[in-house]
Amino acid sequence: MKDKFLVYIIVFALLASVSFALIVRGTRPAVQMGNAKSLFEKQLEISLNNAKDITKNGEFFAVSIKGVPKIDIEKYRLVIDGLVDKPQSLTYAELNNLYKKSETETLTCVALISAKAVWSGIPLKTVLNMAGVKNGATEVVFFAADGYSSSIPLKEALKDNVILATEMNGEILPQKHGFPLRLVYPGHYGYKWVKWVNRIKVVNYNYRGFWESQGYSDEAKIKAP
């Protein structure tokens, strides 16, 4: 009788623990992701409604060194390496599952052509924190699928308004504007806004990219008139 009673207790304990595990596993992530998505969508809606002088995607200017590269999104990876503790290789789906925010910013070419859009995507510091930047790092280098590259100081890369955009004016980032990923670097000329980003490398030296190596300003800061 004792043995039978003991079996009942064990079975009940196992069922209770399994039920608890299913509840926790089945509900907690869904609530977190749902809240995050809802907050992002609300923020985007507010940004689009409040933004003035926005340029439509189809009318937005685009500059590139070799035209628009073809990217197989199923094979696409964003690699983050260099002076980091945990190198990353993120798929497009994994990037889209990260926390997103929107920034209404103007893109200005050195030829003084400008256009404004609502850019939405992942804060750059999010992926840098995932990789874990090592002591002594000073710059973040961005490489593009078309062979282009540029860099920005690490202290600038960690600012809240510097993002890796996946959307433009509420739509998936158009191919000619950098799909699947474009750097948004407010207050700096467009040649720092690297398109088609597929690799981010953290370094401890001054890197000069495509235009910088040809004499363009490495700071690329837009001066107030």
C-alpha atoms as a PDB file:
ATOM      1  CA  MET A   1       0.000   0.000   0.000  1.00  0.00           C
ATOM      2  CA  LYS A   2       2.891   2.280   0.894  1.00  0.00           C
ATOM      3  CA  ASP A   3       4.565   1.560  -2.430  1.00  0.00           C
ATOM      4  CA  LYS A   4       1.376   2.326  -4.350  1.00  0.00           C
ATOM      5  CA  PHE A   5       0.935   5.620  -2.516  1.00  0.00           C
ATOM      6  CA  LEU A   6       4.560   6.553  -3.241  1.00  0.00           C
ATOM      7  CA  VAL A   7       4.064   5.898  -6.970  1.00  0.00           C
ATOM      8  CA  TYR A   8       1.030   8.240  -6.989  1.00  0.00           C
ATOM      9  CA  ILE A   9       3.096  11.002  -5.378  1.00  0.00           C
ATOM     10  CA  ILE A  10       5.941  10.599  -7.901  1.00  0.00           C
ATOM     11  CA  VAL A  11       3.572  10.616 -10.890  1.00  0.00           C
ATOM     12  CA  PHE A  12       1.773  13.719  -9.593  1.00  0.00           C
ATOM     13  CA  ALA A  13       5.082  15.540  -9.052  1.00  0.00           C
ATOM     14  CA  LEU A  14       6.280  14.720 -12.569  1.00  0.00           C
ATOM     15  CA  LEU A  15       3.021  15.911 -14.152  1.00  0.00           C
ATOM     16  CA  ALA A  16       3.123  19.140 -12.187  1.00  0.00           C
ATOM     17  CA  SER A  17       6.718  19.902 -13.161  1.00  0.00           C
ATOM     18  CA  VAL A  18       6.057  19.187 -16.861  1.00  0.00           C
ATOM     19  CA  SER A  19       2.944  21.398 -16.842  1.00  0.00           C
ATOM     20  CA  PHE A  20       4.876  24.238 -15.223  1.00  0.00           C
ATOM     21  CA  ALA A  21       7.687  23.948 -17.783  1.00  0.00           C
ATOM     22  CA  LEU A  22       5.229  24.055 -20.683  1.00  0.00           C
ATOM     23  CA  ILE A  23       3.480  27.101 -19.289  1.00  0.00           C
ATOM     24  CA  VAL A  24       6.728  29.017 -18.805  1.00  0.00           C
ATOM     25  CA  ARG A  25       8.204  27.975 -22.143  1.00  0.00           C
ATOM     26  CA  GLY A  26       4.988  28.519 -24.035  1.00  0.00           C
ATOM     27  CA  THR A  27       3.935  31.917 -22.723  1.00  0.00           C
ATOM     28  CA  ARG A  28       6.861  34.033 -21.602  1.00  0.00           C
ATOM     29  CA  PRO A  29       8.698  34.495 -24.926  1.00  0.00           C
ATOM     30  CA  ALA A  30       5.443  35.174 -26.750  1.00  0.00           C
ATOM     31  CA  VAL A  31       4.544  37.956 -24.320  1.00  0.00           C
ATOM     32  CA  GLN A  32       7.994  39.542 -24.579  1.00  0.00           C
ATOM     33  CA  MET A  33       8.115  39.428 -28.381  1.00  0.00           C
ATOM     34  CA  GLY A  34       4.520  40.611 -28.662  1.00  0.00           C
ATOM     35  CA  ASN A  35       5.161  43.623 -26.439  1.00  0.00           C
ATOM     36  CA  ALA A  36       8.391  44.494 -28.259  1.00  0.00           C
ATOM     37  CA  LYS A  37       6.722  44.298 -31.670  1.00  0.00           C
ATOM     38  CA  SER A  38       3.745  46.311 -30.501  1.00  0.00           C
ATOM     39  CA  LEU A  39       5.961  49.073 -29.075  1.00  0.00           C
ATOM     40  CA  PHE A  40       8.028  49.244 -32.263  1.00  0.00           C
ATOM     41  CA  GLU A  41       4.935  49.429 -34.479  1.00  0.00           C
ATOM     42  CA  LYS A  42       3.487  52.225 -32.332  1.00  0.00           C
ATOM     43  CA  GLN A  43       6.764  54.136 -32.436  1.00  0.00           C
ATOM     44  CA  LEU A  44       6.990  53.740 -36.215  1.00  0.00           C
ATOM     45  CA  GLU A  45       3.404  54.906 -36.684  1.00  0.00           C
ATOM     46  CA  ILE A  46       4.060  57.993 -34.559  1.00  0.00           C
ATOM     47  CA  SER A  47       7.296  58.734 -36.451  1.00  0.00           C
ATOM     48  CA  LEU A  48       5.589  58.462 -39.843  1.00  0.00           C
ATOM     49  CA  ASN A  49       2.652  60.628 -38.738  1.00  0.00           C
ATOM     50  CA  ASN A  50       4.828  63.348 -37.210  1.00  0.00           C
ATOM     51  CA  ALA A  51       7.601  63.450 -39.799  1.00  0.00           C
ATOM     52  CA  LYS A  52       7.588  66.403 -42.197  1.00  0.00           C
ATOM     53  CA  ASP A  53       9.138  66.769 -45.660  1.00  0.00           C
ATOM     54  CA  ILE A  54       9.627  63.021 -46.020  1.00  0.00           C
ATOM     55  CA  THR A  55      10.911  61.900 -49.430  1.00  0.00           C
ATOM     56  CA  LYS A  56       9.106  58.909 -50.926  1.00  0.00           C
ATOM     57  CA  ASN A  57      11.247  55.812 -51.420  1.00  0.00           C
ATOM     58  CA  GLY A  58      10.846  55.904 -55.182  1.00  0.00           C
ATOM     59  CA  GLU A  59      12.017  59.538 -55.321  1.00  0.00           C
ATOM     60  CA  PHE A  60      14.906  59.168 -52.890  1.00  0.00           C
ATOM     61  CA  PHE A  61      18.358  59.620 -54.485  1.00  0.00           C
ATOM     62  CA  ALA A  62      20.870  56.749 -54.486  1.00  0.00           C
ATOM     63  CA  VAL A  63      24.635  56.620 -55.081  1.00  0.00           C
ATOM     64  CA  SER A  64      26.819  53.510 -55.427  1.00  0.00           C
ATOM     65  CA  ILE A  65      30.246  52.524 -56.765  1.00  0.00           C
ATOM     66  CA  LYS A  66      29.176  49.483 -58.789  1.00  0.00           C
ATOM     67  CA  GLY A  67      25.402  49.535 -59.021  1.00  0.00           C
ATOM     68  CA  VAL A  68      23.056  47.371 -56.953  1.00  0.00           C
ATOM     69  CA  PRO A  69      24.521  44.002 -55.907  1.00  0.00           C
ATOM     70  CA  LYS A  70      22.437  40.832 -56.025  1.00  0.00           C
ATOM     71  CA  ILE A  71      21.973  39.331 -52.556  1.00  0.00           C
ATOM     72  CA  ASP A  72      20.581  35.882 -51.815  1.00  0.00           C
ATOM     73  CA  ILE A  73      18.723  36.594 -48.587  1.00  0.00           C
ATOM     74  CA  GLU A  74      18.617  32.890 -47.691  1.00  0.00           C
ATOM     75  CA  LYS A  75      22.420  32.797 -47.674  1.00  0.00           C
ATOM     76  CA  TYR A  76      22.912  36.295 -46.270  1.00  0.00           C
ATOM     77  CA  ARG A  77      24.803  36.644 -42.980  1.00  0.00           C
ATOM     78  CA  LEU A  78      25.883  39.673 -41.008  1.00  0.00           C
ATOM     79  CA  VAL A  79      29.319  38.800 -39.645  1.00  0.00           C
ATOM     80  CA  ILE A  80      30.630  40.716 -36.634  1.00  0.00           C
ATOM     81  CA  ASP A  81      34.276  40.046 -35.838  1.00  0.00           C
ATOM     82  CA  GLY A  82      37.617  41.654 -35.063  1.00  0.00           C
ATOM     83  CA  LEU A  83      38.230  42.760 -31.474  1.00  0.00           C
ATOM     84  CA  VAL A  84      35.183  41.024 -29.990  1.00  0.00           C
ATOM     85  CA  ASP A  85      34.710  38.274 -27.416  1.00  0.00           C
ATOM     86  CA  LYS A  86      31.966  36.425 -29.279  1.00  0.00           C
ATOM     87  CA  PRO A  87      32.057  36.734 -33.089  1.00  0.00           C
ATOM     88  CA  GLN A  88      28.562  36.700 -34.586  1.00  0.00           C
ATOM     89  CA  SER A  89      27.050  35.424 -37.839  1.00  0.00           C
ATOM     90  CA  LEU A  90      23.424  36.557 -37.944  1.00  0.00           C
ATOM     91  CA  THR A  91      20.795  35.640 -40.525  1.00  0.00           C
ATOM     92  CA  TYR A  92      18.286  38.161 -41.836  1.00  0.00           C
ATOM     93  CA  ALA A  93      15.560  36.463 -39.778  1.00  0.00           C
ATOM     94  CA  GLU A  94      17.663  36.678 -36.617  1.00  0.00           C
ATOM     95  CA  LEU A  95      18.292  40.374 -37.208  1.00  0.00           C
ATOM     96  CA  ASN A  96      14.573  41.012 -37.645  1.00  0.00           C
ATOM     97  CA  ASN A  97      13.879  39.333 -34.309  1.00  0.00           C
ATOM     98  CA  LEU A  98      16.037  41.855 -32.450  1.00  0.00           C
ATOM     99  CA  TYR A  99      14.687  45.001 -30.815  1.00  0.00           C
ATOM    100  CA  LYS A 100      14.038  47.749 -33.367  1.00  0.00           C
ATOM    101  CA  LYS A 101      13.575  51.498 -33.250  1.00  0.00           C
ATOM    102  CA  SER A 102      12.893  54.317 -35.720  1.00  0.00           C
ATOM    103  CA  GLU A 103      14.881  57.466 -36.484  1.00  0.00           C
ATOM    104  CA  THR A 104      13.749  60.308 -38.737  1.00  0.00           C
ATOM    105  CA  GLU A 105      16.970  61.482 -40.365  1.00  0.00           C
ATOM    106  CA  THR A 106      18.210  63.356 -43.417  1.00  0.00           C
ATOM    107  CA  LEU A 107      20.759  61.753 -45.740  1.00  0.00           C
ATOM    108  CA  THR A 108      23.082  64.324 -47.315  1.00  0.00           C
ATOM    109  CA  CYS A 109      25.481  63.660 -50.184  1.00  0.00           C
ATOM    110  CA  VAL A 110      28.779  65.609 -50.409  1.00  0.00           C
ATOM    111  CA  ALA A 111      27.286  67.140 -53.575  1.00  0.00           C
ATOM    112  CA  LEU A 112      24.739  68.682 -51.155  1.00  0.00           C
ATOM    113  CA  ILE A 113      21.778  66.612 -52.353  1.00  0.00           C
ATOM    114  CA  SER A 114      19.550  65.798 -49.372  1.00  0.00           C
ATOM    115  CA  ALA A 115      16.483  63.703 -48.620  1.00  0.00           C
ATOM    116  CA  LYS A 116      14.706  62.714 -45.427  1.00  0.00           C
ATOM    117  CA  ALA A 117      13.204  59.375 -44.406  1.00  0.00           C
ATOM    118  CA  VAL A 118      12.005  57.431 -41.389  1.00  0.00           C
ATOM    119  CA  TRP A 119      14.603  54.704 -40.956  1.00  0.00           C
ATOM    120  CA  SER A 120      13.799  51.677 -38.803  1.00  0.00           C
ATOM    121  CA  GLY A 121      16.118  48.954 -37.613  1.00  0.00           C
ATOM    122  CA  ILE A 122      18.417  47.583 -34.962  1.00  0.00           C
ATOM    123  CA  PRO A 123      20.512  49.923 -32.814  1.00  0.00           C
ATOM    124  CA  LEU A 124      24.131  49.296 -33.814  1.00  0.00           C
ATOM    125  CA  LYS A 125      25.143  49.024 -30.166  1.00  0.00           C
ATOM    126  CA  THR A 126      22.786  46.038 -29.790  1.00  0.00           C
ATOM    127  CA  VAL A 127      24.817  43.813 -32.115  1.00  0.00           C
ATOM    128  CA  LEU A 128      28.111  45.206 -30.787  1.00  0.00           C
ATOM    129  CA  ASN A 129      27.052  44.307 -27.255  1.00  0.00           C
ATOM    130  CA  MET A 130      26.068  40.831 -28.443  1.00  0.00           C
ATOM    131  CA  ALA A 131      29.596  40.367 -29.767  1.00  0.00           C
ATOM    132  CA  GLY A 132      31.254  41.975 -26.741  1.00  0.00           C
ATOM    133  CA  VAL A 133      33.731  44.676 -27.754  1.00  0.00           C
ATOM    134  CA  LYS A 134      37.223  44.152 -26.316  1.00  0.00           C
ATOM    135  CA  ASN A 135      39.222  46.790 -24.443  1.00  0.00           C
ATOM    136  CA  GLY A 136      41.411  48.876 -26.691  1.00  0.00           C
ATOM    137  CA  ALA A 137      38.990  48.944 -29.643  1.00  0.00           C
ATOM    138  CA  THR A 138      38.612  52.393 -31.237  1.00  0.00           C
ATOM    139  CA  GLU A 139      36.799  52.031 -34.573  1.00  0.00           C
ATOM    140  CA  VAL A 140      34.023  50.046 -36.217  1.00  0.00           C
ATOM    141  CA  VAL A 141      34.488  49.143 -39.893  1.00  0.00           C
ATOM    142  CA  PHE A 142      31.586  48.337 -42.235  1.00  0.00           C
ATOM    143  CA  PHE A 143      31.994  46.185 -45.335  1.00  0.00           C
ATOM    144  CA  ALA A 144      29.379  45.996 -48.093  1.00  0.00           C
ATOM    145  CA  ALA A 145      28.366  43.338 -50.601  1.00  0.00           C
ATOM    146  CA  ASP A 146      29.557  45.538 -53.488  1.00  0.00           C
ATOM    147  CA  GLY A 147      33.101  45.862 -52.108  1.00  0.00           C
ATOM    148  CA  TYR A 148      32.542  49.266 -50.499  1.00  0.00           C
ATOM    149  CA  SER A 149      33.739  50.036 -46.971  1.00  0.00           C
ATOM    150  CA  SER A 150      33.901  52.834 -44.412  1.00  0.00           C
ATOM    151  CA  SER A 151      34.327  53.238 -40.666  1.00  0.00           C
ATOM    152  CA  ILE A 152      33.169  55.295 -37.697  1.00  0.00           C
ATOM    153  CA  PRO A 153      34.620  55.809 -34.201  1.00  0.00           C
ATOM    154  CA  LEU A 154      33.492  53.269 -31.599  1.00  0.00           C
ATOM    155  CA  LYS A 155      32.208  56.030 -29.303  1.00  0.00           C
ATOM    156  CA  GLU A 156      29.932  57.213 -32.140  1.00  0.00           C
ATOM    157  CA  ALA A 157      28.820  53.658 -32.953  1.00  0.00           C
ATOM    158  CA  LEU A 158      27.449  53.253 -29.434  1.00  0.00           C
ATOM    159  CA  LYS A 159      25.073  56.234 -29.676  1.00  0.00           C
ATOM    160  CA  ASP A 160      21.344  55.487 -29.502  1.00  0.00           C
ATOM    161  CA  ASN A 161      20.469  57.061 -32.873  1.00  0.00           C
ATOM    162  CA  VAL A 162      22.996  55.051 -34.917  1.00  0.00           C
ATOM    163  CA  ILE A 163      21.108  52.090 -36.359  1.00  0.00           C
ATOM    164  CA  LEU A 164      21.304  49.278 -38.892  1.00  0.00           C
ATOM    165  CA  ALA A 165      18.209  49.995 -40.955  1.00  0.00           C
ATOM    166  CA  THR A 166      16.030  47.202 -42.325  1.00  0.00           C
ATOM    167  CA  GLU A 167      13.095  49.465 -43.220  1.00  0.00           C
ATOM    168  CA  MET A 168      12.598  52.837 -44.898  1.00  0.00           C
ATOM    169  CA  ASN A 169       9.413  54.885 -44.512  1.00  0.00           C
ATOM    170  CA  GLY A 170       7.556  51.886 -43.135  1.00  0.00           C
ATOM    171  CA  GLU A 171       8.553  49.552 -45.966  1.00  0.00           C
ATOM    172  CA  ILE A 172      11.234  46.886 -46.295  1.00  0.00           C
ATOM    173  CA  LEU A 173      14.461  48.651 -47.234  1.00  0.00           C
ATOM    174  CA  PRO A 174      14.528  48.890 -51.069  1.00  0.00           C
ATOM    175  CA  GLN A 175      17.412  47.122 -52.815  1.00  0.00           C
ATOM    176  CA  LYS A 176      18.930  50.295 -54.230  1.00  0.00           C
ATOM    177  CA  HIS A 177      18.927  51.836 -50.753  1.00  0.00           C
ATOM    178  CA  GLY A 178      20.835  48.996 -49.132  1.00  0.00           C
ATOM    179  CA  PHE A 179      18.630  45.928 -48.627  1.00  0.00           C
ATOM    180  CA  PRO A 180      18.954  44.011 -46.413  1.00  0.00           C
ATOM    181  CA  LEU A 181      20.942  46.285 -44.083  1.00  0.00           C
ATOM    182  CA  ARG A 182      22.107  49.897 -44.179  1.00  0.00           C
ATOM    183  CA  LEU A 183      23.984  51.981 -41.638  1.00  0.00           C
ATOM    184  CA  VAL A 184      22.198  55.165 -40.548  1.00  0.00           C
ATOM    185  CA  TYR A 185      24.739  57.635 -39.135  1.00  0.00           C
ATOM    186  CA  PRO A 186      22.987  60.958 -38.378  1.00  0.00           C
ATOM    187  CA  GLY A 187      24.905  64.201 -38.781  1.00  0.00           C
ATOM    188  CA  HIS A 188      27.424  62.734 -41.223  1.00  0.00           C
ATOM    189  CA  TYR A 189      27.698  62.658 -45.002  1.00  0.00           C
ATOM    190  CA  GLY A 190      26.169  59.809 -46.972  1.00  0.00           C
ATOM    191  CA  TYR A 191      29.419  58.019 -47.792  1.00  0.00           C
ATOM    192  CA  LYS A 192      29.465  56.923 -44.142  1.00  0.00           C
ATOM    193  CA  TRP A 193      25.946  55.450 -44.455  1.00  0.00           C
ATOM    194  CA  VAL A 194      27.186  52.123 -45.800  1.00  0.00           C
ATOM    195  CA  LYS A 195      24.627  50.107 -47.780  1.00  0.00           C
ATOM    196  CA  TRP A 196      24.362  46.324 -48.200  1.00  0.00           C
ATOM    197  CA  VAL A 197      26.312  45.770 -44.973  1.00  0.00           C
ATOM    198  CA  ASN A 198      27.424  42.148 -44.598  1.00  0.00           C
ATOM    199  CA  ARG A 199      30.350  42.482 -42.213  1.00  0.00           C
ATOM    200  CA  ILE A 200      31.191  44.658 -39.212  1.00  0.00           C
ATOM    201  CA  LYS A 201      34.763  44.544 -37.915  1.00  0.00           C
ATOM    202  CA  VAL A 202      35.887  46.132 -34.645  1.00  0.00           C
ATOM    203  CA  VAL A 203      39.484  47.398 -34.802  1.00  0.00           C
ATOM    204  CA  ASN A 204      42.051  49.403 -32.825  1.00  0.00           C
ATOM    205  CA  TYR A 205      43.459  51.497 -35.673  1.00  0.00           C
ATOM    206  CA  ASN A 206      42.365  54.216 -38.079  1.00  0.00           C
ATOM    207  CA  TYR A 207      40.684  52.569 -41.071  1.00  0.00           C
ATOM    208  CA  ARG A 208      40.195  54.559 -44.259  1.00  0.00           C
ATOM    209  CA  GLY A 209      37.453  53.313 -46.531  1.00  0.00           C
ATOM    210  CA  PHE A 210      36.723  53.671 -50.250  1.00  0.00           C
ATOM    211  CA  TRP A 211      36.317  57.457 -50.352  1.00  0.00           C
ATOM    212  CA  GLU A 212      38.440  58.307 -47.316  1.00  0.00           C
ATOM    213  CA  SER A 213      41.463  56.655 -48.928  1.00  0.00           C
ATOM    214  CA  GLN A 214      40.947  59.017 -51.890  1.00  0.00           C
ATOM    215  CA  GLY A 215      41.101  62.147 -49.769  1.00  0.00           C
ATOM    216  CA  TYR A 216      37.575  62.527 -48.403  1.00  0.00           C
ATOM    217  CA  SER A 217      37.246  63.563 -44.755  1.00  0.00           C
ATOM    218  CA  ASP A 218      37.448  60.620 -42.369  1.00  0.00           C
ATOM    219  CA  GLU A 219      35.200  62.456 -39.918  1.00  0.00           C
ATOM    220  CA  ALA A 220      32.603  63.337 -42.590  1.00  0.00           C
ATOM    221  CA  LYS A 221      30.684  65.486 -40.148  1.00  0.00           C
ATOM    222  CA  ILE A 222      28.121  67.867 -41.641  1.00  0.00           C
ATOM    223  CA  LYS A 223      28.968  71.357 -40.429  1.00  0.00           C
ATOM    224  CA  ALA A 224      26.230  73.736 -39.439  1.00  0.00           C
ATOM    225  CA  PRO A 225      25.865  76.655 -41.919  1.00  0.00           C
END
